[in-house]
Amino acid sequence: MKALAVTKTALTGNYAVAHAVKLARPQIIAAYPITPQTTIVEKLSEFVAKGELKASFVNVESEFSALAVVYGAAMAGARSFTATSSHGLFYMYEMLWWAAGSRAPIVMAVVTRTLGPPWNIHDEHNDILAIRDTGWAIAMASNVQEVLDLTIQAFKLAESAYVPVAVGLDGFVLSHTVETVELPPQEIVDEFLPPRNPDLPMRLRPGEPVTMGNLPADDRLHAEHLKNIYKAHQEAKKLVKAIDAEYGKLVGREYGGAVERLWLEGAKYAVVCMGAWCGDAKEAVRSLRREGMPVGLMRIRFVRPFPDEEIAELSAMDKVVVFDRDITPAGGILGREVASVLGRDKVVNVLAGLAGVDFKADEFKKAVKHAVEGEYGDRVVLL
């Protein structure tokens, strides 16, 4: 592959989102500020104000309105973007279903943050995982470079599968952390992501009135529509890998599709995680392997479409340790979903890093050791 004239710079995760969106050339951006997302849309508004991005930036009074604006824009054929976090995401909740139900190809950055009460602005994954059944595709980045690449890929996925896509990045851990990033040339992104083909069956067009979202004459039509959303996600599964591969050929970075696999060949144990703290998990697994433990790691990049086939690759493992940075009365969300594929007896679900509490590589290492050696008496472990 010919060497690219990339721009190497230092960016926070939030600024990486903004630069990725700029490279994607959206036509409509609408958002309402909320910590720790705010600097994404501040930077985008700056790009628009300076004429560096030819887009309409719509200031709104709430997160609900922000998603309503980009929903309408997407249904009219525009490439559209918004961003939010935590309680702002929950304020959008009704519109999330309308956007997914209409198969509006929106991209939304979700900077993950703990939900109250009490008020807490630090990292947790409950917010983004709470939307897993709405019909949105959901991706999680693990470093600032991937934040940029995944955001660009999200536009391609949304506009190819006609599903809205949420790109998750950990609040403060990625959103406000500066890392070295390579920006691909604009012409390469243009080749990968040409202008949107807005030929939607139900596209809103001036002078061509349509009824959208009204009561159906026959509920069986609605039922068929819901089945089609499921089918769209099955198609999106294939597209995730194909889009990642296409992007990799153009820019030289490929992530493995829906999951990243490390050291799984010949392993007896596996660690499963998602998000930024997978960097610490990798360090822990690498250390354990040096000590002779046959352990590998699978990082979940896409929670939706759910990578059940990829997770099933772990079925031969003696034990699978799933780390959740979320909590529900039934345990960890990722842990329960992995157990739905592999069976409950194989999975040890470790819940840690809640409310933004640091969970470091040595703590990952200790937890994996305890899980493998059977020192945890329960299948759900609270650390």
Protein backbone atom coordinates (compact mmCIF):
# COMPACT_ATOMS: atom_id res chain seq x y z
CA MET A 1 0.00 0.00 0.00
CA LYS A 2 1.30 3.46 -0.91
CA ALA A 3 2.31 5.56 2.10
CA LEU A 4 -0.43 8.01 3.04
CA ALA A 5 0.15 11.69 3.70
CA VAL A 6 -1.38 11.41 7.15
CA THR A 7 -1.46 14.24 9.66
CA LYS A 8 -0.06 13.14 13.00
CA THR A 9 -1.31 15.18 15.93
CA ALA A 10 -2.29 14.96 19.60
CA LEU A 11 -6.01 14.92 20.38
CA THR A 12 -8.36 14.15 23.21
CA GLY A 13 -10.99 11.52 22.56
CA ASN A 14 -13.64 14.21 22.21
CA TYR A 15 -11.58 16.17 19.71
CA ALA A 16 -10.92 12.93 17.81
CA VAL A 17 -14.69 12.54 17.44
CA ALA A 18 -14.97 16.13 16.19
CA HIS A 19 -12.18 15.68 13.63
CA ALA A 20 -13.68 12.39 12.45
CA VAL A 21 -17.08 14.04 11.98
CA LYS A 22 -15.45 16.89 10.09
CA LEU A 23 -13.76 14.37 7.77
CA ALA A 24 -17.13 12.64 7.24
CA ARG A 25 -18.68 15.90 5.93
CA PRO A 26 -22.08 15.84 7.67
CA GLN A 27 -24.74 18.31 6.61
CA ILE A 28 -26.62 18.63 9.91
CA ILE A 29 -25.27 18.64 13.48
CA ALA A 30 -27.50 19.22 16.50
CA ALA A 31 -26.58 18.74 20.14
CA TYR A 32 -27.08 19.98 23.65
CA PRO A 33 -24.03 20.25 25.95
CA ILE A 34 -23.54 17.78 28.79
CA THR A 35 -20.39 16.76 30.65
CA PRO A 36 -18.22 14.95 29.55
CA GLN A 37 -19.46 15.25 25.94
CA THR A 38 -19.52 19.04 25.62
CA THR A 39 -16.16 19.63 23.96
CA ILE A 40 -17.17 17.46 20.98
CA VAL A 41 -19.88 19.85 19.89
CA GLU A 42 -17.90 22.93 20.97
CA LYS A 43 -15.15 21.92 18.55
CA LEU A 44 -17.65 21.11 15.80
CA SER A 45 -19.38 24.48 16.24
CA GLU A 46 -15.93 26.09 15.96
CA PHE A 47 -15.26 24.20 12.71
CA VAL A 48 -18.60 25.40 11.32
CA ALA A 49 -18.10 29.00 12.48
CA LYS A 50 -14.65 29.16 10.85
CA GLY A 51 -15.95 27.71 7.60
CA GLU A 52 -13.81 24.58 7.94
CA LEU A 53 -16.92 22.40 7.92
CA LYS A 54 -19.80 23.20 5.59
CA ALA A 55 -22.69 22.06 7.77
CA SER A 56 -25.67 23.49 9.61
CA PHE A 57 -25.11 23.50 13.36
CA VAL A 58 -28.48 23.63 15.11
CA ASN A 59 -28.55 24.91 18.69
CA VAL A 60 -31.40 23.32 20.63
CA GLU A 61 -32.88 23.51 24.11
CA SER A 62 -32.57 19.83 25.08
CA GLU A 63 -31.15 16.45 24.15
CA PHE A 64 -34.60 15.28 23.07
CA SER A 65 -34.71 18.13 20.55
CA ALA A 66 -31.16 17.42 19.39
CA LEU A 67 -32.05 13.88 18.38
CA ALA A 68 -35.37 15.02 16.92
CA VAL A 69 -33.53 17.47 14.66
CA VAL A 70 -31.02 14.94 13.31
CA TYR A 71 -33.79 12.34 12.99
CA GLY A 72 -35.78 14.65 10.73
CA ALA A 73 -32.65 15.62 8.82
CA ALA A 74 -31.64 11.99 8.27
CA MET A 75 -35.12 11.14 7.01
CA ALA A 76 -34.83 14.04 4.56
CA GLY A 77 -31.59 12.58 3.19
CA ALA A 78 -28.93 14.51 5.12
CA ARG A 79 -25.83 13.03 6.73
CA SER A 80 -26.48 13.79 10.41
CA PHE A 81 -24.62 13.72 13.73
CA THR A 82 -25.27 14.32 17.41
CA ALA A 83 -23.54 13.56 20.71
CA THR A 84 -24.55 13.10 24.34
CA SER A 85 -23.84 11.39 27.66
CA SER A 86 -25.63 9.74 30.57
CA HIS A 87 -28.79 11.64 31.59
CA GLY A 88 -28.80 13.43 28.24
CA LEU A 89 -28.99 10.05 26.51
CA PHE A 90 -31.90 9.09 28.74
CA TYR A 91 -33.66 12.36 27.92
CA MET A 92 -33.47 11.21 24.28
CA TYR A 93 -34.90 7.79 25.07
CA GLU A 94 -38.23 8.06 23.24
CA MET A 95 -36.53 9.51 20.16
CA LEU A 96 -33.99 6.66 20.16
CA TRP A 97 -36.84 4.27 19.36
CA TRP A 98 -38.29 6.55 16.68
CA ALA A 99 -34.91 6.89 14.98
CA ALA A 100 -34.20 3.16 15.06
CA GLY A 101 -37.76 2.25 14.11
CA SER A 102 -37.52 4.54 11.10
CA ARG A 103 -34.05 3.17 10.26
CA ALA A 104 -32.65 6.69 10.19
CA PRO A 105 -28.89 6.51 9.46
CA ILE A 106 -27.75 8.81 12.29
CA VAL A 107 -24.36 8.68 13.99
CA MET A 108 -24.25 9.63 17.67
CA ALA A 109 -21.23 9.79 19.98
CA VAL A 110 -22.00 8.63 23.51
CA VAL A 111 -19.37 9.64 26.06
CA THR A 112 -20.10 7.14 28.81
CA ARG A 113 -20.86 8.47 32.27
CA THR A 114 -22.36 7.22 35.52
CA LEU A 115 -26.09 7.68 36.04
CA GLY A 116 -27.48 9.27 39.21
CA PRO A 117 -28.42 9.40 41.91
CA PRO A 118 -26.20 10.80 43.25
CA TRP A 119 -24.76 13.09 40.58
CA ASN A 120 -21.54 11.67 39.20
CA ILE A 121 -19.76 12.74 36.02
CA HIS A 122 -17.25 9.87 35.87
CA ASP A 123 -17.04 6.77 33.72
CA GLU A 124 -19.43 3.82 33.69
CA HIS A 125 -21.17 1.86 30.91
CA ASN A 126 -24.76 1.64 32.16
CA ASP A 127 -25.84 4.57 30.01
CA ILE A 128 -24.84 3.24 26.59
CA LEU A 129 -25.82 -0.35 27.44
CA ALA A 130 -29.31 0.78 28.43
CA ILE A 131 -30.07 1.48 24.75
CA ARG A 132 -29.03 -1.98 23.54
CA ASP A 133 -32.59 -3.07 22.68
CA THR A 134 -33.70 0.08 20.87
CA GLY A 135 -32.44 -0.97 17.44
CA TRP A 136 -29.27 1.14 17.45
CA ALA A 137 -25.94 -0.41 16.54
CA ILE A 138 -23.54 0.20 19.44
CA ALA A 139 -19.74 0.31 19.23
CA MET A 140 -17.14 0.94 21.94
CA ALA A 141 -13.64 2.30 21.29
CA SER A 142 -10.61 1.45 23.41
CA ASN A 143 -8.22 4.30 22.56
CA VAL A 144 -8.28 7.73 20.95
CA GLN A 145 -7.11 6.52 17.53
CA GLU A 146 -9.92 3.99 17.45
CA VAL A 147 -12.38 6.71 18.48
CA LEU A 148 -11.51 8.57 15.29
CA ASP A 149 -11.51 5.52 13.03
CA LEU A 150 -14.67 4.04 14.51
CA THR A 151 -16.58 7.31 14.12
CA ILE A 152 -15.73 7.46 10.42
CA GLN A 153 -16.67 3.80 10.00
CA ALA A 154 -19.96 4.41 11.84
CA PHE A 155 -21.21 6.73 9.09
CA LYS A 156 -20.52 4.03 6.50
CA LEU A 157 -22.32 1.40 8.57
CA ALA A 158 -25.33 3.62 9.29
CA GLU A 159 -25.78 4.54 5.63
CA SER A 160 -25.18 1.00 4.33
CA ALA A 161 -27.41 -0.94 6.73
CA TYR A 162 -29.89 1.90 7.44
CA VAL A 163 -29.49 1.59 11.19
CA PRO A 164 -28.48 4.43 13.54
CA VAL A 165 -25.08 3.92 15.17
CA ALA A 166 -23.90 4.96 18.64
CA VAL A 167 -20.13 5.24 19.08
CA GLY A 168 -19.14 4.92 22.73
CA LEU A 169 -16.03 6.32 24.35
CA ASP A 170 -15.26 6.29 28.06
CA GLY A 171 -15.90 9.57 29.86
CA PHE A 172 -12.70 11.38 30.84
CA VAL A 173 -10.64 8.17 30.45
CA LEU A 174 -10.80 8.71 26.68
CA SER A 175 -12.87 11.86 26.19
CA HIS A 176 -10.38 14.14 27.95
CA THR A 177 -7.17 12.12 27.58
CA VAL A 178 -4.66 13.23 24.94
CA GLU A 179 -3.05 10.61 22.70
CA THR A 180 -1.18 10.67 19.41
CA VAL A 181 -3.59 10.28 16.50
CA GLU A 182 -3.14 9.90 12.76
CA LEU A 183 -5.74 11.77 10.70
CA PRO A 184 -6.28 10.19 7.27
CA PRO A 185 -6.26 12.56 4.29
CA GLN A 186 -9.63 14.04 3.35
CA GLU A 187 -9.49 12.46 -0.11
CA ILE A 188 -9.09 8.98 1.42
CA VAL A 189 -12.10 9.50 3.67
CA ASP A 190 -14.05 10.83 0.68
CA GLU A 191 -13.19 7.65 -1.22
CA PHE A 192 -14.28 5.49 1.72
CA LEU A 193 -17.36 7.59 2.52
CA PRO A 194 -18.78 9.26 -0.59
CA PRO A 195 -21.75 11.64 -0.33
CA ARG A 196 -24.81 9.92 1.04
CA ASN A 197 -27.25 8.35 -1.37
CA PRO A 198 -30.50 9.63 0.10
CA ASP A 199 -32.78 7.35 -1.92
CA LEU A 200 -34.86 6.18 1.03
CA PRO A 201 -38.22 4.50 0.42
CA MET A 202 -39.80 6.94 2.91
CA ARG A 203 -37.55 9.93 2.33
CA LEU A 204 -39.14 13.26 3.16
CA ARG A 205 -39.20 15.39 0.01
CA PRO A 206 -40.67 18.87 -0.45
CA GLY A 207 -43.83 18.69 -2.53
CA GLU A 208 -44.12 14.91 -2.13
CA PRO A 209 -46.15 14.40 1.06
CA VAL A 210 -45.96 11.04 2.82
CA THR A 211 -47.38 9.73 6.06
CA MET A 212 -44.70 8.55 8.44
CA GLY A 213 -45.11 6.97 11.86
CA ASN A 214 -48.90 7.08 11.87
CA LEU A 215 -51.23 4.28 13.01
CA PRO A 216 -50.98 1.42 10.48
CA ALA A 217 -54.15 0.20 8.81
CA ASP A 218 -53.12 -3.35 9.71
CA ASP A 219 -50.98 -4.24 12.75
CA ARG A 220 -49.42 -7.02 10.72
CA LEU A 221 -47.65 -4.33 8.68
CA HIS A 222 -46.11 -2.99 11.88
CA ALA A 223 -45.09 -6.50 12.95
CA GLU A 224 -43.40 -7.03 9.59
CA HIS A 225 -41.58 -3.73 9.98
CA LEU A 226 -40.21 -4.81 13.38
CA LYS A 227 -38.95 -8.05 11.85
CA ASN A 228 -37.18 -6.04 9.17
CA ILE A 229 -35.25 -4.12 11.85
CA TYR A 230 -34.02 -7.45 13.21
CA LYS A 231 -33.01 -8.48 9.67
CA ALA A 232 -31.20 -5.17 9.20
CA HIS A 233 -29.05 -5.93 12.24
CA GLN A 234 -28.22 -9.37 10.86
CA GLU A 235 -27.07 -7.66 7.67
CA ALA A 236 -25.15 -5.08 9.72
CA LYS A 237 -23.20 -7.95 11.32
CA LYS A 238 -21.66 -8.77 7.95
CA LEU A 239 -21.10 -5.12 7.12
CA VAL A 240 -19.17 -4.39 10.34
CA LYS A 241 -16.36 -6.72 9.28
CA ALA A 242 -16.46 -5.71 5.61
CA ILE A 243 -16.37 -1.99 6.44
CA ASP A 244 -13.50 -2.47 8.89
CA ALA A 245 -11.56 -4.40 6.23
CA GLU A 246 -12.23 -1.77 3.56
CA TYR A 247 -11.10 1.00 5.90
CA GLY A 248 -8.00 -1.00 6.78
CA LYS A 249 -6.99 -1.30 3.13
CA LEU A 250 -7.28 2.46 2.67
CA VAL A 251 -5.66 3.74 5.87
CA GLY A 252 -3.64 0.77 7.13
CA ARG A 253 -5.56 0.23 10.37
CA GLU A 254 -7.95 -2.68 10.84
CA TYR A 255 -9.46 -3.78 14.15
CA GLY A 256 -10.90 -7.23 13.52
CA GLY A 257 -14.55 -6.39 12.93
CA ALA A 258 -17.01 -6.84 15.79
CA VAL A 259 -14.36 -8.14 18.20
CA GLU A 260 -10.62 -7.93 18.70
CA ARG A 261 -8.91 -11.26 19.45
CA LEU A 262 -5.61 -11.53 21.31
CA TRP A 263 -3.69 -14.69 22.26
CA LEU A 264 -6.78 -16.92 22.05
CA GLU A 265 -5.18 -19.70 20.02
CA GLY A 266 -4.20 -22.47 22.41
CA ALA A 267 -5.62 -20.64 25.45
CA LYS A 268 -7.60 -22.42 28.17
CA TYR A 269 -9.04 -19.24 29.67
CA ALA A 270 -10.36 -16.03 28.16
CA VAL A 271 -10.95 -12.49 29.38
CA VAL A 272 -13.83 -10.55 27.78
CA CYS A 273 -14.18 -6.77 28.13
CA MET A 274 -15.12 -3.63 26.22
CA GLY A 275 -14.02 -0.01 26.24
CA ALA A 276 -10.91 1.83 27.38
CA TRP A 277 -10.12 -0.35 30.37
CA CYS A 278 -9.36 -3.21 27.97
CA GLY A 279 -5.93 -1.60 27.69
CA ASP A 280 -5.33 -2.46 31.35
CA ALA A 281 -6.85 -5.90 30.81
CA LYS A 282 -4.41 -6.55 27.94
CA GLU A 283 -1.50 -5.59 30.18
CA ALA A 284 -2.76 -7.99 32.85
CA VAL A 285 -3.25 -10.85 30.39
CA ARG A 286 0.20 -10.28 28.90
CA SER A 287 1.71 -10.50 32.39
CA LEU A 288 -0.24 -13.67 33.21
CA ARG A 289 0.94 -15.30 29.99
CA ARG A 290 4.55 -14.51 30.90
CA GLU A 291 3.89 -16.35 34.16
CA GLY A 292 2.66 -19.38 32.22
CA MET A 293 -1.12 -19.01 32.41
CA PRO A 294 -2.72 -19.98 29.04
CA VAL A 295 -5.09 -17.01 28.84
CA GLY A 296 -6.28 -14.86 25.94
CA LEU A 297 -8.53 -11.85 25.50
CA MET A 298 -11.55 -10.92 23.41
CA ARG A 299 -12.46 -7.24 23.27
CA ILE A 300 -16.03 -6.51 22.26
CA ARG A 301 -16.05 -3.65 19.73
CA PHE A 302 -19.71 -3.92 18.77
CA VAL A 303 -22.30 -4.73 21.44
CA ARG A 304 -24.97 -4.41 18.75
CA PRO A 305 -25.27 -6.19 16.43
CA PHE A 306 -24.49 -8.73 19.14
CA PRO A 307 -21.39 -10.77 18.15
CA ASP A 308 -22.78 -14.14 19.25
CA GLU A 309 -20.86 -16.12 16.62
CA GLU A 310 -17.57 -14.54 17.65
CA ILE A 311 -18.29 -15.15 21.34
CA ALA A 312 -19.12 -18.78 20.53
CA GLU A 313 -15.46 -19.16 19.50
CA LEU A 314 -14.75 -19.22 23.26
CA SER A 315 -16.90 -22.31 23.85
CA ALA A 316 -13.86 -24.58 24.22
CA MET A 317 -12.40 -22.45 27.03
CA ASP A 318 -12.36 -23.89 30.55
CA LYS A 319 -13.41 -20.54 31.97
CA VAL A 320 -14.36 -17.12 30.59
CA VAL A 321 -13.94 -14.07 32.84
CA VAL A 322 -16.20 -11.21 31.72
CA PHE A 323 -15.52 -7.73 33.11
CA ASP A 324 -18.46 -5.32 33.31
CA ARG A 325 -18.20 -1.60 34.04
CA ASP A 326 -21.93 -1.58 34.71
CA ILE A 327 -24.30 -3.07 37.24
CA THR A 328 -27.92 -4.23 37.33
CA PRO A 329 -29.90 -6.18 39.95
CA ALA A 330 -29.31 -9.26 37.75
CA GLY A 331 -25.53 -8.77 37.46
CA GLY A 332 -23.42 -7.34 34.66
CA ILE A 333 -25.03 -6.71 31.28
CA LEU A 334 -22.12 -7.93 29.18
CA GLY A 335 -21.62 -10.93 31.46
CA ARG A 336 -25.21 -12.05 31.10
CA GLU A 337 -25.10 -11.66 27.32
CA VAL A 338 -21.88 -13.66 27.04
CA ALA A 339 -23.38 -16.33 29.33
CA SER A 340 -26.41 -16.52 27.02
CA VAL A 341 -24.04 -17.86 24.34
CA LEU A 342 -21.55 -19.90 26.39
CA GLY A 343 -23.70 -21.06 29.29
CA ARG A 344 -23.71 -19.77 32.85
CA ASP A 345 -21.34 -22.37 34.30
CA LYS A 346 -18.44 -21.31 32.08
CA VAL A 347 -18.67 -17.57 32.84
CA VAL A 348 -17.38 -15.65 35.86
CA ASN A 349 -18.80 -12.11 35.74
CA VAL A 350 -16.65 -9.48 37.48
CA LEU A 351 -18.31 -6.11 38.10
CA ALA A 352 -15.74 -3.39 38.76
CA GLY A 353 -14.80 0.20 37.95
CA LEU A 354 -18.27 1.37 38.93
CA ALA A 355 -19.01 5.09 39.45
CA GLY A 356 -15.68 5.95 37.83
CA VAL A 357 -13.52 4.13 40.40
CA ASP A 358 -10.15 3.20 38.87
CA PHE A 359 -9.54 -0.48 38.17
CA LYS A 360 -5.95 -1.01 37.13
CA ALA A 361 -3.92 -3.72 35.44
CA ASP A 362 -2.78 -5.33 38.69
CA GLU A 363 -6.41 -5.55 39.82
CA PHE A 364 -7.40 -7.19 36.52
CA LYS A 365 -4.56 -9.65 37.00
CA LYS A 366 -5.61 -10.53 40.54
CA ALA A 367 -9.27 -10.93 39.51
CA VAL A 368 -8.42 -13.26 36.61
CA LYS A 369 -6.22 -15.39 38.86
CA HIS A 370 -8.95 -15.70 41.49
CA ALA A 371 -11.57 -16.53 38.83
CA VAL A 372 -9.44 -19.18 37.14
CA GLU A 373 -8.47 -20.78 40.45
CA GLY A 374 -12.11 -20.94 41.57
CA GLU A 375 -11.62 -18.62 44.55
CA TYR A 376 -14.82 -16.69 43.85
CA GLY A 377 -17.79 -18.48 45.38
CA ASP A 378 -20.33 -16.76 43.14
CA ARG A 379 -20.67 -16.40 39.38
CA VAL A 380 -21.19 -12.64 39.86
CA VAL A 381 -18.31 -10.94 41.66
CA LEU A 382 -18.49 -7.37 42.96
CA LEU A 383 -15.10 -5.64 43.23
